[in-house]
PDB file of N, CA and C in Angstrom:
ATOM      1  N   UNK A   1     120.736 134.725 130.707  1.00  0.00           N
ATOM      2  CA  UNK A   1     122.005 134.933 130.207  1.00  0.00           C
ATOM      3  C   UNK A   1     121.466 133.581 128.792  1.00  0.00           C
ATOM      4  N   UNK A   2     121.904 134.566 127.873  1.00  0.00           N
ATOM      5  CA  UNK A   2     122.029 133.486 126.506  1.00  0.00           C
ATOM      6  C   UNK A   2     123.444 134.203 125.857  1.00  0.00           C
ATOM      7  N   UNK A   3     123.791 133.081 124.500  1.00  0.00           N
ATOM      8  CA  UNK A   3     124.924 132.391 124.430  1.00  0.00           C
ATOM      9  C   UNK A   3     124.341 132.764 123.270  1.00  0.00           C
ATOM     10  N   UNK A   4     125.522 133.890 122.213  1.00  0.00           N
ATOM     11  CA  UNK A   4     125.333 133.942 120.804  1.00  0.00           C
ATOM     12  C   UNK A   4     126.338 133.742 119.674  1.00  0.00           C
ATOM     13  N   UNK A   5     126.535 133.976 118.160  1.00  0.00           N
ATOM     14  CA  UNK A   5     127.395 133.980 117.822  1.00  0.00           C
ATOM     15  C   UNK A   5     127.350 134.224 117.098  1.00  0.00           C
ATOM     16  N   UNK A   6     128.674 135.408 116.538  1.00  0.00           N
ATOM     17  CA  UNK A   6     128.035 136.883 115.555  1.00  0.00           C
ATOM     18  C   UNK A   6     129.636 137.323 115.335  1.00  0.00           C
ATOM     19  N   UNK A   7     129.212 138.442 114.468  1.00  0.00           N
ATOM     20  CA  UNK A   7     130.512 139.136 114.431  1.00  0.00           C
ATOM     21  C   UNK A   7     130.646 140.531 114.658  1.00  0.00           C
ATOM     22  N   UNK A   8     131.799 140.353 115.389  1.00  0.00           N
ATOM     23  CA  UNK A   8     131.234 141.633 115.632  1.00  0.00           C
ATOM     24  C   UNK A   8     131.827 143.356 115.189  1.00  0.00           C
ATOM     25  N   UNK A   9     130.955 144.325 115.145  1.00  0.00           N
ATOM     26  CA  UNK A   9     131.085 145.148 113.938  1.00  0.00           C
ATOM     27  C   UNK A   9     131.213 146.641 114.897  1.00  0.00           C
ATOM     28  N   UNK A  10     131.579 147.931 114.138  1.00  0.00           N
ATOM     29  CA  UNK A  10     131.688 149.228 115.080  1.00  0.00           C
ATOM     30  C   UNK A  10     130.215 149.608 114.137  1.00  0.00           C
ATOM     31  N   UNK A  11     129.417 150.056 114.938  1.00  0.00           N
ATOM     32  CA  UNK A  11     128.024 151.163 113.908  1.00  0.00           C
ATOM     33  C   UNK A  11     128.430 152.777 114.010  1.00  0.00           C
ATOM     34  N   UNK A  12     128.963 153.457 112.816  1.00  0.00           N
ATOM     35  CA  UNK A  12     128.717 154.759 113.186  1.00  0.00           C
ATOM     36  C   UNK A  12     127.474 155.648 113.296  1.00  0.00           C
ATOM     37  N   UNK A  13     127.020 154.871 115.020  1.00  0.00           N
ATOM     38  CA  UNK A  13     125.919 156.074 115.078  1.00  0.00           C
ATOM     39  C   UNK A  13     126.354 157.004 116.557  1.00  0.00           C
ATOM     40  N   UNK A  14     126.599 158.264 116.688  1.00  0.00           N
ATOM     41  CA  UNK A  14     126.598 158.808 117.630  1.00  0.00           C
ATOM     42  C   UNK A  14     128.186 158.997 117.827  1.00  0.00           C
ATOM     43  N   UNK A  15     128.862 158.963 118.611  1.00  0.00           N
ATOM     44  CA  UNK A  15     130.436 158.576 118.901  1.00  0.00           C
ATOM     45  C   UNK A  15     130.975 156.930 118.725  1.00  0.00           C
ATOM     46  N   UNK A  16     129.992 156.400 118.152  1.00  0.00           N
ATOM     47  CA  UNK A  16     129.946 154.876 118.382  1.00  0.00           C
ATOM     48  C   UNK A  16     129.371 153.836 118.968  1.00  0.00           C
ATOM     49  N   UNK A  17     128.957 152.628 118.350  1.00  0.00           N
ATOM     50  CA  UNK A  17     129.208 151.522 119.736  1.00  0.00           C
ATOM     51  C   UNK A  17     129.471 150.324 118.182  1.00  0.00           C
ATOM     52  N   UNK A  18     129.060 149.490 119.664  1.00  0.00           N
ATOM     53  CA  UNK A  18     129.769 148.078 119.225  1.00  0.00           C
ATOM     54  C   UNK A  18     128.363 146.985 119.367  1.00  0.00           C
ATOM     55  N   UNK A  19     128.877 146.317 118.006  1.00  0.00           N
ATOM     56  CA  UNK A  19     127.516 145.644 117.952  1.00  0.00           C
ATOM     57  C   UNK A  19     128.104 143.715 117.423  1.00  0.00           C
ATOM     58  N   UNK A  20     127.252 143.259 117.985  1.00  0.00           N
ATOM     59  CA  UNK A  20     127.604 141.860 117.587  1.00  0.00           C
ATOM     60  C   UNK A  20     126.201 141.759 116.864  1.00  0.00           C
ATOM     61  N   UNK A  21     126.925 141.115 114.910  1.00  0.00           N
ATOM     62  CA  UNK A  21     125.533 140.272 114.278  1.00  0.00           C
ATOM     63  C   UNK A  21     125.116 139.007 114.152  1.00  0.00           C
ATOM     64  N   UNK A  22     124.580 138.793 114.802  1.00  0.00           N
ATOM     65  CA  UNK A  22     124.161 137.203 114.773  1.00  0.00           C
ATOM     66  C   UNK A  22     124.179 136.579 113.512  1.00  0.00           C
ATOM     67  N   UNK A  23     124.331 135.387 113.258  1.00  0.00           N
ATOM     68  CA  UNK A  23     124.116 134.467 112.606  1.00  0.00           C
ATOM     69  C   UNK A  23     122.956 134.583 111.534  1.00  0.00           C
ATOM     70  N   UNK A  24     122.052 134.945 112.725  1.00  0.00           N
ATOM     71  CA  UNK A  24     120.276 134.794 111.809  1.00  0.00           C
ATOM     72  C   UNK A  24     119.809 136.144 111.918  1.00  0.00           C
ATOM     73  N   UNK A  25     121.347 137.229 111.898  1.00  0.00           N
ATOM     74  CA  UNK A  25     120.575 138.798 111.604  1.00  0.00           C
ATOM     75  C   UNK A  25     120.280 139.266 112.420  1.00  0.00           C
ATOM     76  N   UNK A  26     120.296 138.860 114.008  1.00  0.00           N
ATOM     77  CA  UNK A  26     119.971 139.328 115.035  1.00  0.00           C
ATOM     78  C   UNK A  26     121.105 140.637 115.322  1.00  0.00           C
ATOM     79  N   UNK A  27     120.702 141.772 116.180  1.00  0.00           N
ATOM     80  CA  UNK A  27     121.446 142.996 116.629  1.00  0.00           C
ATOM     81  C   UNK A  27     121.868 142.970 117.788  1.00  0.00           C
ATOM     82  N   UNK A  28     123.511 143.215 118.614  1.00  0.00           N
ATOM     83  CA  UNK A  28     122.885 143.617 119.758  1.00  0.00           C
ATOM     84  C   UNK A  28     123.742 144.466 120.035  1.00  0.00           C
ATOM     85  N   UNK A  29     123.864 145.452 120.519  1.00  0.00           N
ATOM     86  CA  UNK A  29     124.254 146.546 121.065  1.00  0.00           C
ATOM     87  C   UNK A  29     125.665 146.153 122.130  1.00  0.00           C
ATOM     88  N   UNK A  30     126.936 146.309 122.482  1.00  0.00           N
ATOM     89  CA  UNK A  30     127.881 145.295 123.731  1.00  0.00           C
ATOM     90  C   UNK A  30     128.179 146.675 123.986  1.00  0.00           C
ATOM     91  N   UNK A  31     127.519 146.166 125.576  1.00  0.00           N
ATOM     92  CA  UNK A  31     127.696 146.742 126.740  1.00  0.00           C
ATOM     93  C   UNK A  31     129.207 146.892 126.790  1.00  0.00           C
ATOM     94  N   UNK A  32     130.343 147.874 127.267  1.00  0.00           N
ATOM     95  CA  UNK A  32     131.027 148.222 127.807  1.00  0.00           C
ATOM     96  C   UNK A  32     131.963 146.649 127.053  1.00  0.00           C
ATOM     97  N   UNK A  33     132.014 146.483 126.257  1.00  0.00           N
ATOM     98  CA  UNK A  33     132.960 145.447 125.694  1.00  0.00           C
ATOM     99  C   UNK A  33     134.247 145.394 125.886  1.00  0.00           C
ATOM    100  N   UNK A  34     134.749 144.001 126.351  1.00  0.00           N
ATOM    101  CA  UNK A  34     136.614 144.338 126.348  1.00  0.00           C
ATOM    102  C   UNK A  34     137.719 144.437 125.564  1.00  0.00           C
ATOM    103  N   UNK A  35     138.279 145.888 125.639  1.00  0.00           N
ATOM    104  CA  UNK A  35     139.015 146.288 124.575  1.00  0.00           C
ATOM    105  C   UNK A  35     139.794 145.302 123.660  1.00  0.00           C
ATOM    106  N   UNK A  36     139.880 143.987 124.125  1.00  0.00           N
ATOM    107  CA  UNK A  36     140.233 142.750 122.618  1.00  0.00           C
ATOM    108  C   UNK A  36     139.169 141.768 121.384  1.00  0.00           C
ATOM    109  N   UNK A  37     138.211 142.525 122.685  1.00  0.00           N
ATOM    110  CA  UNK A  37     137.075 141.839 121.695  1.00  0.00           C
ATOM    111  C   UNK A  37     136.400 142.626 119.896  1.00  0.00           C
ATOM    112  N   UNK A  38     137.138 143.969 120.472  1.00  0.00           N
ATOM    113  CA  UNK A  38     136.478 145.171 119.324  1.00  0.00           C
ATOM    114  C   UNK A  38     136.643 145.278 118.331  1.00  0.00           C
ATOM    115  N   UNK A  39     137.874 145.171 117.749  1.00  0.00           N
ATOM    116  CA  UNK A  39     138.204 145.125 116.567  1.00  0.00           C
ATOM    117  C   UNK A  39     137.207 144.452 115.127  1.00  0.00           C
ATOM    118  N   UNK A  40     136.504 145.222 114.661  1.00  0.00           N
ATOM    119  CA  UNK A  40     135.058 145.103 113.830  1.00  0.00           C
ATOM    120  C   UNK A  40     135.653 143.185 113.135  1.00  0.00           C
ATOM    121  N   UNK A  41     134.958 142.884 112.215  1.00  0.00           N
ATOM    122  CA  UNK A  41     134.892 141.563 111.551  1.00  0.00           C
ATOM    123  C   UNK A  41     135.249 140.509 111.762  1.00  0.00           C
ATOM    124  N   UNK A  42     135.729 140.414 113.680  1.00  0.00           N
ATOM    125  CA  UNK A  42     136.271 138.817 114.178  1.00  0.00           C
ATOM    126  C   UNK A  42     134.673 137.944 115.041  1.00  0.00           C
ATOM    127  N   UNK A  43     135.175 137.133 114.458  1.00  0.00           N
ATOM    128  CA  UNK A  43     133.631 136.350 115.068  1.00  0.00           C
ATOM    129  C   UNK A  43     133.845 135.996 115.811  1.00  0.00           C
ATOM    130  N   UNK A  44     132.704 136.229 117.323  1.00  0.00           N
ATOM    131  CA  UNK A  44     132.842 135.658 118.535  1.00  0.00           C
ATOM    132  C   UNK A  44     131.539 135.170 118.684  1.00  0.00           C
ATOM    133  N   UNK A  45     131.848 133.880 119.796  1.00  0.00           N
ATOM    134  CA  UNK A  45     130.973 133.095 120.711  1.00  0.00           C
ATOM    135  C   UNK A  45     130.482 134.384 121.641  1.00  0.00           C
ATOM    136  N   UNK A  46     129.162 134.611 122.245  1.00  0.00           N
ATOM    137  CA  UNK A  46     129.036 135.680 123.092  1.00  0.00           C
ATOM    138  C   UNK A  46     128.164 134.787 124.359  1.00  0.00           C
ATOM    139  N   UNK A  47     128.987 134.821 125.751  1.00  0.00           N
ATOM    140  CA  UNK A  47     127.714 134.960 126.826  1.00  0.00           C
ATOM    141  C   UNK A  47     127.528 135.891 127.701  1.00  0.00           C
ATOM    142  N   UNK A  48     125.942 136.257 127.569  1.00  0.00           N
ATOM    143  CA  UNK A  48     126.447 137.696 128.171  1.00  0.00           C
ATOM    144  C   UNK A  48     124.421 138.047 128.733  1.00  0.00           C
ATOM    145  N   UNK A  49     124.516 138.860 129.402  1.00  0.00           N
ATOM    146  CA  UNK A  49     123.371 139.482 130.419  1.00  0.00           C
ATOM    147  C   UNK A  49     122.445 140.615 128.915  1.00  0.00           C
ATOM    148  N   UNK A  50     121.022 140.212 128.640  1.00  0.00           N
ATOM    149  CA  UNK A  50     120.735 141.096 128.034  1.00  0.00           C
ATOM    150  C   UNK A  50     120.376 142.440 129.429  1.00  0.00           C
ATOM    151  N   UNK A  51     120.392 143.438 129.002  1.00  0.00           N
ATOM    152  CA  UNK A  51     120.072 144.830 129.867  1.00  0.00           C
ATOM    153  C   UNK A  51     118.905 145.379 129.741  1.00  0.00           C
ATOM    154  N   UNK A  52     117.716 145.224 130.392  1.00  0.00           N
ATOM    155  CA  UNK A  52     116.634 146.063 129.913  1.00  0.00           C
ATOM    156  C   UNK A  52     116.405 147.192 131.025  1.00  0.00           C
ATOM    157  N   UNK A  53     117.726 147.451 131.378  1.00  0.00           N
ATOM    158  CA  UNK A  53     117.237 147.895 132.592  1.00  0.00           C
ATOM    159  C   UNK A  53     118.153 149.700 132.439  1.00  0.00           C
ATOM    160  N   UNK A  54     118.936 149.439 130.430  1.00  0.00           N
ATOM    161  CA  UNK A  54     119.397 150.888 130.577  1.00  0.00           C
ATOM    162  C   UNK A  54     119.315 151.041 129.434  1.00  0.00           C
ATOM    163  N   UNK A  55     119.561 151.985 128.689  1.00  0.00           N
ATOM    164  CA  UNK A  55     118.989 152.980 127.506  1.00  0.00           C
ATOM    165  C   UNK A  55     120.795 153.250 126.683  1.00  0.00           C
ATOM    166  N   UNK A  56     120.457 153.279 125.666  1.00  0.00           N
ATOM    167  CA  UNK A  56     121.400 153.692 124.895  1.00  0.00           C
ATOM    168  C   UNK A  56     121.242 154.390 123.091  1.00  0.00           C
ATOM    169  N   UNK A  57     121.595 155.458 123.370  1.00  0.00           N
ATOM    170  CA  UNK A  57     121.379 156.368 122.043  1.00  0.00           C
ATOM    171  C   UNK A  57     121.589 156.031 120.662  1.00  0.00           C
ATOM    172  N   UNK A  58     122.514 154.717 120.771  1.00  0.00           N
ATOM    173  CA  UNK A  58     122.767 154.131 119.787  1.00  0.00           C
ATOM    174  C   UNK A  58     121.694 153.576 119.111  1.00  0.00           C
ATOM    175  N   UNK A  59     120.548 152.472 120.153  1.00  0.00           N
ATOM    176  CA  UNK A  59     119.698 151.958 119.480  1.00  0.00           C
ATOM    177  C   UNK A  59     119.325 151.105 118.224  1.00  0.00           C
ATOM    178  N   UNK A  60     120.592 150.288 118.446  1.00  0.00           N
ATOM    179  CA  UNK A  60     120.705 149.554 117.529  1.00  0.00           C
ATOM    180  C   UNK A  60     120.519 147.764 117.285  1.00  0.00           C
ATOM    181  N   UNK A  61     120.444 148.245 118.859  1.00  0.00           N
ATOM    182  CA  UNK A  61     119.273 146.145 118.926  1.00  0.00           C
ATOM    183  C   UNK A  61     119.305 146.346 120.600  1.00  0.00           C
ATOM    184  N   UNK A  62     118.816 145.494 121.370  1.00  0.00           N
ATOM    185  CA  UNK A  62     119.119 144.853 122.856  1.00  0.00           C
ATOM    186  C   UNK A  62     120.319 145.293 123.146  1.00  0.00           C
ATOM    187  N   UNK A  63     120.429 145.477 124.253  1.00  0.00           N
ATOM    188  CA  UNK A  63     122.108 146.150 124.975  1.00  0.00           C
ATOM    189  C   UNK A  63     122.431 144.498 125.977  1.00  0.00           C
ATOM    190  N   UNK A  64     123.487 144.449 125.348  1.00  0.00           N
ATOM    191  CA  UNK A  64     124.181 142.798 125.694  1.00  0.00           C
ATOM    192  C   UNK A  64     125.631 143.095 126.729  1.00  0.00           C
ATOM    193  N   UNK A  65     125.219 142.691 127.492  1.00  0.00           N
ATOM    194  CA  UNK A  65     126.397 142.774 128.395  1.00  0.00           C
ATOM    195  C   UNK A  65     127.912 141.189 128.490  1.00  0.00           C
ATOM    196  N   UNK A  66     128.739 141.405 128.126  1.00  0.00           N
ATOM    197  CA  UNK A  66     129.332 140.256 128.052  1.00  0.00           C
ATOM    198  C   UNK A  66     130.201 140.122 129.275  1.00  0.00           C
ATOM    199  N   UNK A  67     129.546 139.031 129.301  1.00  0.00           N
ATOM    200  CA  UNK A  67     130.501 137.888 130.737  1.00  0.00           C
ATOM    201  C   UNK A  67     131.117 136.871 130.367  1.00  0.00           C
ATOM    202  N   UNK A  68     131.191 136.308 129.448  1.00  0.00           N
ATOM    203  CA  UNK A  68     131.848 136.000 128.876  1.00  0.00           C
ATOM    204  C   UNK A  68     132.530 135.657 127.155  1.00  0.00           C
ATOM    205  N   UNK A  69     133.211 135.530 126.789  1.00  0.00           N
ATOM    206  CA  UNK A  69     133.874 135.569 124.972  1.00  0.00           C
ATOM    207  C   UNK A  69     134.164 134.249 124.807  1.00  0.00           C
ATOM    208  N   UNK A  70     134.704 133.835 123.616  1.00  0.00           N
ATOM    209  CA  UNK A  70     135.648 132.745 123.067  1.00  0.00           C
ATOM    210  C   UNK A  70     135.408 132.498 121.107  1.00  0.00           C
ATOM    211  N   UNK A  71     136.298 132.944 120.947  1.00  0.00           N
ATOM    212  CA  UNK A  71     136.875 133.183 119.123  1.00  0.00           C
ATOM    213  C   UNK A  71     136.059 132.354 118.660  1.00  0.00           C
ATOM    214  N   UNK A  72     134.996 131.547 117.555  1.00  0.00           N
ATOM    215  CA  UNK A  72     134.731 131.283 116.115  1.00  0.00           C
ATOM    216  C   UNK A  72     135.417 131.208 115.245  1.00  0.00           C
TER     217      UNK A  72
END
């Protein structure tokens, strides 16, 4: 489990992907994020699991499955 803080972004790759861009500049692709989390440019603190066992067509960063979040 990791906890990261950053900004939600919609990445226009293929059919689109939701990303979390951290304050340090790292990018995580959000896997099945809750709908309430999806509007772009929201600041959030996300706790989740890095999924090394799944692949993505977007290939924008490590895949982060959201376990919980709070507004930052």
